[in-house]
Amino acid sequence: MQKHCSSAVTPRIKDFIGSFIINKNNNRTLIGQQQPEGKSSSSSSFTFNQYRRYGQKVDGLLSDIHEKVFSNQHLYTTKIFHVAVDGYNQKKYKEATEFFTKVIEKGKEVIAISKKPPTKEFTIDKQILWSFIYRGVITNSYQDLQKAKEINPFHPEVFYRRGNLFYFDSNYSSAIKDYSKAIANHPDFYECYFNRGLCYYQLKRLDRCIKDLETYLKHVPNDPNTLKLLGISYYYEYVLYDSRRELLVKSVEALTSYINYRKQNSLPLTKEDYLIRGSSLRELKQLDLAQQDFQAGSNSSIKSLLPPIIITPVDCFTQERVALDTL
């Protein structure tokens, strides 16, 4: 790349260098050369001014060379980044990891050759950041996410991704802290509300779980996983902490929406889905409906403790979030 740029401008450089050569018969003298007798100092002054002009032209030419190298390297790195993202989206994680690593390496080279940080450089900086994030997600690397955080200490995606790693390591308190930081820096980061709600559920802090899931449901209406988890949380909040009848009503509504969704899409239901709704209906004295659910649940009984859940955190790269930073 550099060889190509150099050859393209070589004739121009030779022209400038040739202009500096002083003919033997020329009365002008080079800087530092002794002035011939009888010559005024005005010719020397002219030489200084001439060199200043040539110097400005050469500086401009070198700047052009630098800009071409920078632009070509920037374009190459950007193409690699998009190839890596496409690989990730196609679940070709090995290839994606390889190309994200190249983005990090080439991106650092681009920044190194830039004398002044133009707008493009900041795009490269963000591509490096996102490459660390993607690679960290693929390899479950706290270290990569930490490197991304060093580039931008307030980037919400970094906290979101690290929160997910903490969740899968059952470190729910640390996950909550990271999700909260992501929300503080980006209040519309709705996935974090759902994931933080999952953490609160695991810690049996059902009031906080309900609040986060309700917030998420406002922005992702009728999400089945949220409806199910809310239905369960409403019921157990009533059983364990809060005797408000309103919670039972909400539990029935949420679980009914969830059950209807599963039926309409020919998806299987668990005994638990019916049993918790049946228990809420029984507490509401709707005994006939409760009995139907208990029969659907094979007359099993539910425990007073919170049931384990197989719902996992929302884990997705939205095109809008990535594009916002890297276009």
C-alpha atoms as a PDB file:
ATOM      1  CA  MET A   1       0.000   0.000   0.000  1.00  0.00           C
ATOM      2  CA  GLN A   2       2.713   2.434   0.956  1.00  0.00           C
ATOM      3  CA  LYS A   3       4.800   1.429  -2.077  1.00  0.00           C
ATOM      4  CA  HIS A   4       1.853   2.211  -4.337  1.00  0.00           C
ATOM      5  CA  CYS A   5       1.320   5.637  -2.772  1.00  0.00           C
ATOM      6  CA  SER A   6       5.038   6.468  -2.973  1.00  0.00           C
ATOM      7  CA  SER A   7       5.354   5.646  -6.663  1.00  0.00           C
ATOM      8  CA  ALA A   8       2.297   7.736  -7.460  1.00  0.00           C
ATOM      9  CA  VAL A   9       3.854  10.929  -6.156  1.00  0.00           C
ATOM     10  CA  THR A  10       7.553  10.340  -6.952  1.00  0.00           C
ATOM     11  CA  PRO A  11       7.637  12.596 -10.095  1.00  0.00           C
ATOM     12  CA  ARG A  12       6.264  15.477  -8.056  1.00  0.00           C
ATOM     13  CA  ILE A  13       8.890  14.977  -5.382  1.00  0.00           C
ATOM     14  CA  LYS A  14      11.646  14.909  -8.029  1.00  0.00           C
ATOM     15  CA  ASP A  15      10.372  18.179  -9.465  1.00  0.00           C
ATOM     16  CA  PHE A  16      10.636  19.822  -6.073  1.00  0.00           C
ATOM     17  CA  ILE A  17      14.063  18.365  -5.348  1.00  0.00           C
ATOM     18  CA  GLY A  18      15.268  19.476  -8.777  1.00  0.00           C
ATOM     19  CA  SER A  19      14.105  22.980  -7.991  1.00  0.00           C
ATOM     20  CA  PHE A  20      16.457  23.097  -5.016  1.00  0.00           C
ATOM     21  CA  ILE A  21      19.598  22.500  -7.123  1.00  0.00           C
ATOM     22  CA  ILE A  22      21.515  25.748  -7.671  1.00  0.00           C
ATOM     23  CA  ASN A  23      23.407  26.063 -10.955  1.00  0.00           C
ATOM     24  CA  LYS A  24      27.098  26.928 -10.694  1.00  0.00           C
ATOM     25  CA  ASN A  25      26.533  30.096 -12.694  1.00  0.00           C
ATOM     26  CA  ASN A  26      23.620  31.147 -10.519  1.00  0.00           C
ATOM     27  CA  ASN A  27      24.581  34.037  -8.276  1.00  0.00           C
ATOM     28  CA  ARG A  28      22.224  32.889  -5.484  1.00  0.00           C
ATOM     29  CA  THR A  29      23.857  31.135  -2.569  1.00  0.00           C
ATOM     30  CA  LEU A  30      22.709  28.281  -0.404  1.00  0.00           C
ATOM     31  CA  ILE A  31      21.893  28.881   3.221  1.00  0.00           C
ATOM     32  CA  GLY A  32      25.112  28.918   5.257  1.00  0.00           C
ATOM     33  CA  GLN A  33      27.307  29.514   2.168  1.00  0.00           C
ATOM     34  CA  GLN A  34      29.635  32.534   2.182  1.00  0.00           C
ATOM     35  CA  GLN A  35      28.231  35.570   0.374  1.00  0.00           C
ATOM     36  CA  PRO A  36      30.334  36.571  -2.710  1.00  0.00           C
ATOM     37  CA  GLU A  37      31.908  39.996  -2.559  1.00  0.00           C
ATOM     38  CA  GLY A  38      29.948  42.845  -4.039  1.00  0.00           C
ATOM     39  CA  LYS A  39      26.601  41.068  -3.687  1.00  0.00           C
ATOM     40  CA  SER A  40      23.859  42.565  -1.595  1.00  0.00           C
ATOM     41  CA  SER A  41      22.093  40.690   1.168  1.00  0.00           C
ATOM     42  CA  SER A  42      18.778  40.973  -0.668  1.00  0.00           C
ATOM     43  CA  SER A  43      19.559  37.893  -2.766  1.00  0.00           C
ATOM     44  CA  SER A  44      20.164  35.915   0.443  1.00  0.00           C
ATOM     45  CA  SER A  45      16.835  37.124   1.769  1.00  0.00           C
ATOM     46  CA  PHE A  46      15.204  35.982  -1.445  1.00  0.00           C
ATOM     47  CA  THR A  47      16.744  32.526  -0.969  1.00  0.00           C
ATOM     48  CA  PHE A  48      15.280  32.233   2.527  1.00  0.00           C
ATOM     49  CA  ASN A  49      11.836  33.144   1.243  1.00  0.00           C
ATOM     50  CA  GLN A  50      12.179  30.718  -1.628  1.00  0.00           C
ATOM     51  CA  TYR A  51      13.064  27.894   0.714  1.00  0.00           C
ATOM     52  CA  ARG A  52      10.153  28.774   2.941  1.00  0.00           C
ATOM     53  CA  ARG A  53       7.804  28.475  -0.037  1.00  0.00           C
ATOM     54  CA  TYR A  54       9.359  25.192  -1.130  1.00  0.00           C
ATOM     55  CA  GLY A  55       9.161  23.934   2.427  1.00  0.00           C
ATOM     56  CA  GLN A  56       5.461  24.703   2.575  1.00  0.00           C
ATOM     57  CA  LYS A  57       4.886  22.877  -0.711  1.00  0.00           C
ATOM     58  CA  VAL A  58       6.845  19.826   0.448  1.00  0.00           C
ATOM     59  CA  ASP A  59       4.938  19.777   3.749  1.00  0.00           C
ATOM     60  CA  GLY A  60       1.709  19.862   1.782  1.00  0.00           C
ATOM     61  CA  LEU A  61       2.899  17.043  -0.462  1.00  0.00           C
ATOM     62  CA  LEU A  62       3.909  14.877   2.484  1.00  0.00           C
ATOM     63  CA  SER A  63       0.539  15.586   4.064  1.00  0.00           C
ATOM     64  CA  ASP A  64      -1.119  14.334   0.862  1.00  0.00           C
ATOM     65  CA  ILE A  65       0.940  11.152   1.024  1.00  0.00           C
ATOM     66  CA  HIS A  66       0.011  10.638   4.656  1.00  0.00           C
ATOM     67  CA  GLU A  67      -3.673  11.189   3.955  1.00  0.00           C
ATOM     68  CA  LYS A  68      -3.635   8.636   1.115  1.00  0.00           C
ATOM     69  CA  VAL A  69      -1.947   6.030   3.292  1.00  0.00           C
ATOM     70  CA  PHE A  70      -4.332   6.771   6.138  1.00  0.00           C
ATOM     71  CA  SER A  71      -7.417   6.622   3.906  1.00  0.00           C
ATOM     72  CA  ASN A  72      -6.409   3.320   2.309  1.00  0.00           C
ATOM     73  CA  GLN A  73      -5.587   1.722   5.659  1.00  0.00           C
ATOM     74  CA  HIS A  74      -8.834   3.068   7.099  1.00  0.00           C
ATOM     75  CA  LEU A  75     -10.851   1.620   4.206  1.00  0.00           C
ATOM     76  CA  TYR A  76      -9.129  -1.754   4.537  1.00  0.00           C
ATOM     77  CA  THR A  77      -9.743  -1.925   8.285  1.00  0.00           C
ATOM     78  CA  THR A  78     -13.382  -0.948   7.871  1.00  0.00           C
ATOM     79  CA  LYS A  79     -13.916  -3.705   5.299  1.00  0.00           C
ATOM     80  CA  ILE A  80     -12.341  -6.257   7.639  1.00  0.00           C
ATOM     81  CA  PHE A  81     -14.633  -5.098  10.436  1.00  0.00           C
ATOM     82  CA  HIS A  82     -17.781  -5.600   8.347  1.00  0.00           C
ATOM     83  CA  VAL A  83     -16.579  -9.031   7.222  1.00  0.00           C
ATOM     84  CA  ALA A  84     -16.074  -9.961  10.880  1.00  0.00           C
ATOM     85  CA  VAL A  85     -19.553  -8.740  11.850  1.00  0.00           C
ATOM     86  CA  ASP A  86     -21.100 -10.704   8.979  1.00  0.00           C
ATOM     87  CA  GLY A  87     -19.224 -13.783  10.150  1.00  0.00           C
ATOM     88  CA  TYR A  88     -20.584 -13.338  13.658  1.00  0.00           C
ATOM     89  CA  ASN A  89     -24.138 -12.911  12.358  1.00  0.00           C
ATOM     90  CA  GLN A  90     -23.720 -16.131  10.361  1.00  0.00           C
ATOM     91  CA  LYS A  91     -22.463 -17.870  13.535  1.00  0.00           C
ATOM     92  CA  LYS A  92     -19.039 -18.459  11.993  1.00  0.00           C
ATOM     93  CA  TYR A  93     -17.413 -17.594  15.280  1.00  0.00           C
ATOM     94  CA  LYS A  94     -13.929 -18.942  14.566  1.00  0.00           C
ATOM     95  CA  GLU A  95     -13.579 -16.854  11.413  1.00  0.00           C
ATOM     96  CA  ALA A  96     -15.208 -13.855  13.076  1.00  0.00           C
ATOM     97  CA  THR A  97     -12.726 -14.007  15.950  1.00  0.00           C
ATOM     98  CA  GLU A  98      -9.831 -14.099  13.480  1.00  0.00           C
ATOM     99  CA  PHE A  99     -11.067 -11.013  11.636  1.00  0.00           C
ATOM    100  CA  PHE A 100     -11.925  -9.053  14.776  1.00  0.00           C
ATOM    101  CA  THR A 101      -8.343  -9.662  15.877  1.00  0.00           C
ATOM    102  CA  LYS A 102      -7.142  -8.269  12.529  1.00  0.00           C
ATOM    103  CA  VAL A 103      -9.299  -5.182  13.014  1.00  0.00           C
ATOM    104  CA  ILE A 104      -7.674  -4.576  16.382  1.00  0.00           C
ATOM    105  CA  GLU A 105      -4.172  -4.975  14.941  1.00  0.00           C
ATOM    106  CA  LYS A 106      -4.719  -2.972  11.740  1.00  0.00           C
ATOM    107  CA  GLY A 107      -6.755  -0.341  13.539  1.00  0.00           C
ATOM    108  CA  LYS A 108      -3.871   0.370  15.878  1.00  0.00           C
ATOM    109  CA  GLU A 109      -1.602   0.779  12.846  1.00  0.00           C
ATOM    110  CA  VAL A 110      -4.028   3.270  11.302  1.00  0.00           C
ATOM    111  CA  ILE A 111      -4.076   5.333  14.470  1.00  0.00           C
ATOM    112  CA  ALA A 112      -0.277   5.155  14.700  1.00  0.00           C
ATOM    113  CA  ILE A 113       0.263   6.656  11.223  1.00  0.00           C
ATOM    114  CA  SER A 114      -2.155   9.500  11.825  1.00  0.00           C
ATOM    115  CA  LYS A 115      -0.453  12.756  12.871  1.00  0.00           C
ATOM    116  CA  LYS A 116      -3.695  14.553  13.535  1.00  0.00           C
ATOM    117  CA  PRO A 117      -6.831  12.667  14.620  1.00  0.00           C
ATOM    118  CA  PRO A 118      -9.392  13.301  11.859  1.00  0.00           C
ATOM    119  CA  THR A 119     -12.982  12.123  12.176  1.00  0.00           C
ATOM    120  CA  LYS A 120     -12.122   8.824  10.491  1.00  0.00           C
ATOM    121  CA  GLU A 121      -9.746   7.932  13.262  1.00  0.00           C
ATOM    122  CA  PHE A 122     -12.514   8.039  15.803  1.00  0.00           C
ATOM    123  CA  THR A 123     -14.459   5.582  13.641  1.00  0.00           C
ATOM    124  CA  ILE A 124     -11.460   3.249  13.687  1.00  0.00           C
ATOM    125  CA  ASP A 125     -11.212   3.672  17.449  1.00  0.00           C
ATOM    126  CA  LYS A 126     -14.822   2.555  17.793  1.00  0.00           C
ATOM    127  CA  GLN A 127     -14.282  -0.375  15.443  1.00  0.00           C
ATOM    128  CA  ILE A 128     -11.455  -1.511  17.706  1.00  0.00           C
ATOM    129  CA  LEU A 129     -13.748  -1.115  20.718  1.00  0.00           C
ATOM    130  CA  TRP A 130     -16.518  -3.164  19.091  1.00  0.00           C
ATOM    131  CA  SER A 131     -14.016  -5.793  17.980  1.00  0.00           C
ATOM    132  CA  PHE A 132     -12.947  -6.265  21.591  1.00  0.00           C
ATOM    133  CA  ILE A 133     -16.630  -6.502  22.564  1.00  0.00           C
ATOM    134  CA  TYR A 134     -17.504  -9.053  19.879  1.00  0.00           C
ATOM    135  CA  ARG A 135     -14.410 -11.103  20.577  1.00  0.00           C
ATOM    136  CA  GLY A 136     -15.110 -10.928  24.295  1.00  0.00           C
ATOM    137  CA  VAL A 137     -18.630 -12.252  23.745  1.00  0.00           C
ATOM    138  CA  ILE A 138     -17.441 -15.094  21.505  1.00  0.00           C
ATOM    139  CA  THR A 139     -14.663 -16.183  23.869  1.00  0.00           C
ATOM    140  CA  ASN A 140     -16.350 -15.179  27.162  1.00  0.00           C
ATOM    141  CA  SER A 141     -13.374 -12.944  27.851  1.00  0.00           C
ATOM    142  CA  TYR A 142     -13.557 -10.456  30.703  1.00  0.00           C
ATOM    143  CA  GLN A 143     -10.129  -9.250  29.548  1.00  0.00           C
ATOM    144  CA  ASP A 144     -11.371  -8.199  26.105  1.00  0.00           C
ATOM    145  CA  LEU A 145     -14.306  -6.359  27.638  1.00  0.00           C
ATOM    146  CA  GLN A 146     -11.924  -4.599  30.008  1.00  0.00           C
ATOM    147  CA  LYS A 147      -9.840  -3.450  27.019  1.00  0.00           C
ATOM    148  CA  ALA A 148     -12.994  -2.114  25.395  1.00  0.00           C
ATOM    149  CA  LYS A 149     -13.799  -0.303  28.628  1.00  0.00           C
ATOM    150  CA  GLU A 150     -10.347   1.319  28.575  1.00  0.00           C
ATOM    151  CA  ILE A 151     -11.178   2.791  25.162  1.00  0.00           C
ATOM    152  CA  ASN A 152     -14.517   4.149  26.400  1.00  0.00           C
ATOM    153  CA  PRO A 153     -15.141   3.873  30.166  1.00  0.00           C
ATOM    154  CA  PHE A 154     -18.817   4.777  29.751  1.00  0.00           C
ATOM    155  CA  HIS A 155     -19.862   2.654  26.779  1.00  0.00           C
ATOM    156  CA  PRO A 156     -23.141   0.894  27.724  1.00  0.00           C
ATOM    157  CA  GLU A 157     -22.507  -2.142  25.509  1.00  0.00           C
ATOM    158  CA  VAL A 158     -19.403  -3.012  27.522  1.00  0.00           C
ATOM    159  CA  PHE A 159     -21.348  -3.090  30.793  1.00  0.00           C
ATOM    160  CA  TYR A 160     -24.221  -4.984  29.152  1.00  0.00           C
ATOM    161  CA  ARG A 161     -21.895  -7.680  27.846  1.00  0.00           C
ATOM    162  CA  ARG A 162     -19.917  -7.987  31.051  1.00  0.00           C
ATOM    163  CA  GLY A 163     -23.186  -8.167  32.964  1.00  0.00           C
ATOM    164  CA  ASN A 164     -24.163 -11.168  30.844  1.00  0.00           C
ATOM    165  CA  LEU A 165     -20.862 -12.884  31.653  1.00  0.00           C
ATOM    166  CA  PHE A 166     -21.430 -12.242  35.353  1.00  0.00           C
ATOM    167  CA  TYR A 167     -24.954 -13.658  35.066  1.00  0.00           C
ATOM    168  CA  PHE A 168     -23.791 -16.928  33.519  1.00  0.00           C
ATOM    169  CA  ASP A 169     -21.140 -17.150  36.234  1.00  0.00           C
ATOM    170  CA  SER A 170     -23.992 -16.784  38.790  1.00  0.00           C
ATOM    171  CA  ASN A 171     -22.458 -13.523  40.014  1.00  0.00           C
ATOM    172  CA  TYR A 172     -25.828 -11.786  40.065  1.00  0.00           C
ATOM    173  CA  SER A 173     -24.861  -8.840  42.258  1.00  0.00           C
ATOM    174  CA  SER A 174     -22.012  -7.851  39.931  1.00  0.00           C
ATOM    175  CA  ALA A 175     -24.276  -8.348  36.923  1.00  0.00           C
ATOM    176  CA  ILE A 176     -26.856  -5.994  38.438  1.00  0.00           C
ATOM    177  CA  LYS A 177     -24.185  -3.325  38.926  1.00  0.00           C
ATOM    178  CA  ASP A 178     -23.090  -3.557  35.297  1.00  0.00           C
ATOM    179  CA  TYR A 179     -26.632  -3.553  33.912  1.00  0.00           C
ATOM    180  CA  SER A 180     -27.373  -0.523  36.073  1.00  0.00           C
ATOM    181  CA  LYS A 181     -24.322   1.304  34.692  1.00  0.00           C
ATOM    182  CA  ALA A 182     -25.416   0.514  31.142  1.00  0.00           C
ATOM    183  CA  ILE A 183     -28.886   1.902  31.862  1.00  0.00           C
ATOM    184  CA  ALA A 184     -27.424   4.999  33.516  1.00  0.00           C
ATOM    185  CA  ASN A 185     -25.368   5.726  30.387  1.00  0.00           C
ATOM    186  CA  HIS A 186     -28.117   4.712  27.964  1.00  0.00           C
ATOM    187  CA  PRO A 187     -31.636   4.744  29.527  1.00  0.00           C
ATOM    188  CA  ASP A 188     -33.169   3.206  26.382  1.00  0.00           C
ATOM    189  CA  PHE A 189     -31.046   0.064  26.644  1.00  0.00           C
ATOM    190  CA  TYR A 190     -34.123  -2.092  27.268  1.00  0.00           C
ATOM    191  CA  GLU A 191     -32.374  -5.457  27.135  1.00  0.00           C
ATOM    192  CA  CYS A 192     -30.613  -4.499  30.346  1.00  0.00           C
ATOM    193  CA  TYR A 193     -33.935  -4.111  32.147  1.00  0.00           C
ATOM    194  CA  PHE A 194     -34.910  -7.671  31.272  1.00  0.00           C
ATOM    195  CA  ASN A 195     -31.528  -9.106  32.203  1.00  0.00           C
ATOM    196  CA  ARG A 196     -31.370  -7.164  35.458  1.00  0.00           C
ATOM    197  CA  GLY A 197     -34.868  -8.437  36.231  1.00  0.00           C
ATOM    198  CA  LEU A 198     -33.579 -11.997  35.823  1.00  0.00           C
ATOM    199  CA  CYS A 199     -30.820 -11.263  38.335  1.00  0.00           C
ATOM    200  CA  TYR A 200     -33.295  -9.848  40.832  1.00  0.00           C
ATOM    201  CA  TYR A 201     -35.416 -12.976  40.398  1.00  0.00           C
ATOM    202  CA  GLN A 202     -32.435 -15.196  41.180  1.00  0.00           C
ATOM    203  CA  LEU A 203     -31.792 -13.138  44.322  1.00  0.00           C
ATOM    204  CA  LYS A 204     -35.507 -13.338  45.294  1.00  0.00           C
ATOM    205  CA  ARG A 205     -35.847  -9.561  45.124  1.00  0.00           C
ATOM    206  CA  LEU A 206     -39.144  -9.915  43.340  1.00  0.00           C
ATOM    207  CA  ASP A 207     -40.345  -6.331  43.720  1.00  0.00           C
ATOM    208  CA  ARG A 208     -37.296  -5.094  41.786  1.00  0.00           C
ATOM    209  CA  CYS A 209     -37.644  -7.944  39.311  1.00  0.00           C
ATOM    210  CA  ILE A 210     -41.262  -6.978  38.607  1.00  0.00           C
ATOM    211  CA  LYS A 211     -40.384  -3.321  38.136  1.00  0.00           C
ATOM    212  CA  ASP A 212     -37.665  -4.087  35.571  1.00  0.00           C
ATOM    213  CA  LEU A 213     -39.762  -6.613  33.665  1.00  0.00           C
ATOM    214  CA  GLU A 214     -42.711  -4.229  33.492  1.00  0.00           C
ATOM    215  CA  THR A 215     -40.396  -1.570  32.053  1.00  0.00           C
ATOM    216  CA  TYR A 216     -39.107  -4.008  29.457  1.00  0.00           C
ATOM    217  CA  LEU A 217     -42.637  -5.124  28.526  1.00  0.00           C
ATOM    218  CA  LYS A 218     -43.634  -1.535  27.738  1.00  0.00           C
ATOM    219  CA  HIS A 219     -41.039  -1.458  24.985  1.00  0.00           C
ATOM    220  CA  VAL A 220     -41.302  -5.093  23.876  1.00  0.00           C
ATOM    221  CA  PRO A 221     -45.053  -5.781  24.203  1.00  0.00           C
ATOM    222  CA  ASN A 222     -46.296  -9.366  24.578  1.00  0.00           C
ATOM    223  CA  ASP A 223     -42.811 -10.831  24.849  1.00  0.00           C
ATOM    224  CA  PRO A 224     -43.597 -14.402  25.974  1.00  0.00           C
ATOM    225  CA  ASN A 225     -40.589 -14.885  28.245  1.00  0.00           C
ATOM    226  CA  THR A 226     -41.335 -11.633  30.037  1.00  0.00           C
ATOM    227  CA  LEU A 227     -45.011 -12.554  30.432  1.00  0.00           C
ATOM    228  CA  LYS A 228     -44.132 -15.921  31.935  1.00  0.00           C
ATOM    229  CA  LEU A 229     -41.545 -14.554  34.328  1.00  0.00           C
ATOM    230  CA  LEU A 230     -43.860 -11.733  35.373  1.00  0.00           C
ATOM    231  CA  GLY A 231     -46.703 -14.183  36.002  1.00  0.00           C
ATOM    232  CA  ILE A 232     -44.473 -16.281  38.245  1.00  0.00           C
ATOM    233  CA  SER A 233     -43.025 -13.235  40.020  1.00  0.00           C
ATOM    234  CA  TYR A 234     -46.423 -11.682  40.725  1.00  0.00           C
ATOM    235  CA  TYR A 235     -47.622 -14.892  42.347  1.00  0.00           C
ATOM    236  CA  TYR A 236     -44.555 -15.462  44.505  1.00  0.00           C
ATOM    237  CA  GLU A 237     -44.365 -11.819  45.510  1.00  0.00           C
ATOM    238  CA  TYR A 238     -47.910 -12.347  46.842  1.00  0.00           C
ATOM    239  CA  VAL A 239     -47.039 -15.618  48.597  1.00  0.00           C
ATOM    240  CA  LEU A 240     -43.723 -14.561  50.120  1.00  0.00           C
ATOM    241  CA  TYR A 241     -43.864 -10.809  50.688  1.00  0.00           C
ATOM    242  CA  ASP A 242     -46.988  -8.927  49.711  1.00  0.00           C
ATOM    243  CA  SER A 243     -50.637  -9.962  50.157  1.00  0.00           C
ATOM    244  CA  ARG A 244     -52.159  -7.529  47.670  1.00  0.00           C
ATOM    245  CA  ARG A 245     -54.896  -9.152  45.601  1.00  0.00           C
ATOM    246  CA  GLU A 246     -53.787  -7.031  42.652  1.00  0.00           C
ATOM    247  CA  LEU A 247     -50.689  -9.195  42.300  1.00  0.00           C
ATOM    248  CA  LEU A 248     -52.810 -12.316  41.802  1.00  0.00           C
ATOM    249  CA  VAL A 249     -54.878 -10.617  39.112  1.00  0.00           C
ATOM    250  CA  LYS A 250     -51.728  -9.553  37.291  1.00  0.00           C
ATOM    251  CA  SER A 251     -50.306 -13.068  37.606  1.00  0.00           C
ATOM    252  CA  VAL A 252     -53.379 -14.584  35.967  1.00  0.00           C
ATOM    253  CA  GLU A 253     -53.375 -11.993  33.176  1.00  0.00           C
ATOM    254  CA  ALA A 254     -49.684 -12.432  32.378  1.00  0.00           C
ATOM    255  CA  LEU A 255     -49.778 -16.235  32.441  1.00  0.00           C
ATOM    256  CA  THR A 256     -52.978 -16.341  30.376  1.00  0.00           C
ATOM    257  CA  SER A 257     -51.316 -14.209  27.688  1.00  0.00           C
ATOM    258  CA  TYR A 258     -48.283 -16.467  27.799  1.00  0.00           C
ATOM    259  CA  ILE A 259     -50.322 -19.701  27.618  1.00  0.00           C
ATOM    260  CA  ASN A 260     -52.422 -18.370  24.725  1.00  0.00           C
ATOM    261  CA  TYR A 261     -49.271 -17.404  22.839  1.00  0.00           C
ATOM    262  CA  ARG A 262     -47.845 -20.912  23.238  1.00  0.00           C
ATOM    263  CA  LYS A 263     -51.091 -22.525  22.114  1.00  0.00           C
ATOM    264  CA  GLN A 264     -51.480 -20.260  19.085  1.00  0.00           C
ATOM    265  CA  ASN A 265     -47.968 -21.123  17.956  1.00  0.00           C
ATOM    266  CA  SER A 266     -48.357 -24.853  18.709  1.00  0.00           C
ATOM    267  CA  LEU A 267     -45.637 -24.693  21.342  1.00  0.00           C
ATOM    268  CA  PRO A 268     -45.532 -27.024  24.345  1.00  0.00           C
ATOM    269  CA  LEU A 269     -46.485 -25.882  27.836  1.00  0.00           C
ATOM    270  CA  THR A 270     -45.167 -27.086  31.182  1.00  0.00           C
ATOM    271  CA  LYS A 271     -47.134 -28.198  34.216  1.00  0.00           C
ATOM    272  CA  GLU A 272     -45.729 -25.202  36.033  1.00  0.00           C
ATOM    273  CA  ASP A 273     -47.422 -22.787  33.618  1.00  0.00           C
ATOM    274  CA  TYR A 274     -50.828 -24.147  34.570  1.00  0.00           C
ATOM    275  CA  LEU A 275     -50.118 -24.772  38.238  1.00  0.00           C
ATOM    276  CA  ILE A 276     -49.052 -21.234  39.063  1.00  0.00           C
ATOM    277  CA  ARG A 277     -52.019 -19.744  37.237  1.00  0.00           C
ATOM    278  CA  GLY A 278     -54.289 -22.280  38.942  1.00  0.00           C
ATOM    279  CA  SER A 279     -52.870 -21.321  42.333  1.00  0.00           C
ATOM    280  CA  SER A 280     -53.492 -17.634  41.644  1.00  0.00           C
ATOM    281  CA  LEU A 281     -57.068 -18.426  40.554  1.00  0.00           C
ATOM    282  CA  ARG A 282     -57.625 -20.449  43.715  1.00  0.00           C
ATOM    283  CA  GLU A 283     -56.461 -17.546  45.881  1.00  0.00           C
ATOM    284  CA  LEU A 284     -58.920 -15.362  43.939  1.00  0.00           C
ATOM    285  CA  LYS A 285     -61.698 -17.887  44.783  1.00  0.00           C
ATOM    286  CA  GLN A 286     -62.210 -18.771  41.119  1.00  0.00           C
ATOM    287  CA  LEU A 287     -62.242 -22.438  41.990  1.00  0.00           C
ATOM    288  CA  ASP A 288     -63.673 -23.910  38.783  1.00  0.00           C
ATOM    289  CA  LEU A 289     -61.023 -22.251  36.621  1.00  0.00           C
ATOM    290  CA  ALA A 290     -58.375 -23.171  39.158  1.00  0.00           C
ATOM    291  CA  GLN A 291     -59.430 -26.823  39.010  1.00  0.00           C
ATOM    292  CA  GLN A 292     -59.116 -26.842  35.212  1.00  0.00           C
ATOM    293  CA  ASP A 293     -55.551 -25.608  35.469  1.00  0.00           C
ATOM    294  CA  PHE A 294     -54.702 -28.142  38.159  1.00  0.00           C
ATOM    295  CA  GLN A 295     -56.008 -30.923  35.934  1.00  0.00           C
ATOM    296  CA  ALA A 296     -53.955 -29.586  33.024  1.00  0.00           C
ATOM    297  CA  GLY A 297     -50.993 -29.636  35.393  1.00  0.00           C
ATOM    298  CA  SER A 298     -51.655 -33.301  36.178  1.00  0.00           C
ATOM    299  CA  ASN A 299     -52.802 -32.439  39.703  1.00  0.00           C
ATOM    300  CA  SER A 300     -49.218 -31.750  40.729  1.00  0.00           C
ATOM    301  CA  SER A 301     -48.501 -29.318  43.528  1.00  0.00           C
ATOM    302  CA  ILE A 302     -46.157 -26.356  43.448  1.00  0.00           C
ATOM    303  CA  LYS A 303     -43.600 -25.503  46.066  1.00  0.00           C
ATOM    304  CA  SER A 304     -43.659 -22.314  48.078  1.00  0.00           C
ATOM    305  CA  LEU A 305     -40.071 -21.560  47.099  1.00  0.00           C
ATOM    306  CA  LEU A 306     -39.272 -19.870  43.818  1.00  0.00           C
ATOM    307  CA  PRO A 307     -39.054 -22.380  40.968  1.00  0.00           C
ATOM    308  CA  PRO A 308     -35.855 -22.425  38.927  1.00  0.00           C
ATOM    309  CA  ILE A 309     -36.131 -20.804  35.523  1.00  0.00           C
ATOM    310  CA  ILE A 310     -34.565 -21.764  32.224  1.00  0.00           C
ATOM    311  CA  ILE A 311     -35.036 -18.310  30.714  1.00  0.00           C
ATOM    312  CA  THR A 312     -31.672 -16.814  29.795  1.00  0.00           C
ATOM    313  CA  PRO A 313     -30.637 -13.167  29.459  1.00  0.00           C
ATOM    314  CA  VAL A 314     -31.323 -11.294  26.268  1.00  0.00           C
ATOM    315  CA  ASP A 315     -28.068 -11.505  24.342  1.00  0.00           C
ATOM    316  CA  CYS A 316     -28.076  -9.737  20.995  1.00  0.00           C
ATOM    317  CA  PHE A 317     -26.189  -7.172  18.969  1.00  0.00           C
ATOM    318  CA  THR A 318     -28.690  -4.782  17.461  1.00  0.00           C
ATOM    319  CA  GLN A 319     -27.732  -3.324  14.108  1.00  0.00           C
ATOM    320  CA  GLU A 320     -28.704   0.124  15.331  1.00  0.00           C
ATOM    321  CA  ARG A 321     -26.307   0.079  18.283  1.00  0.00           C
ATOM    322  CA  VAL A 322     -23.347  -1.145  16.256  1.00  0.00           C
ATOM    323  CA  ALA A 323     -24.021   1.128  13.284  1.00  0.00           C
ATOM    324  CA  LEU A 324     -24.413   4.159  15.517  1.00  0.00           C
ATOM    325  CA  ASP A 325     -20.782   3.839  16.552  1.00  0.00           C
ATOM    326  CA  THR A 326     -19.008   2.451  13.522  1.00  0.00           C
ATOM    327  CA  LEU A 327     -20.411   3.947  10.326  1.00  0.00           C
END
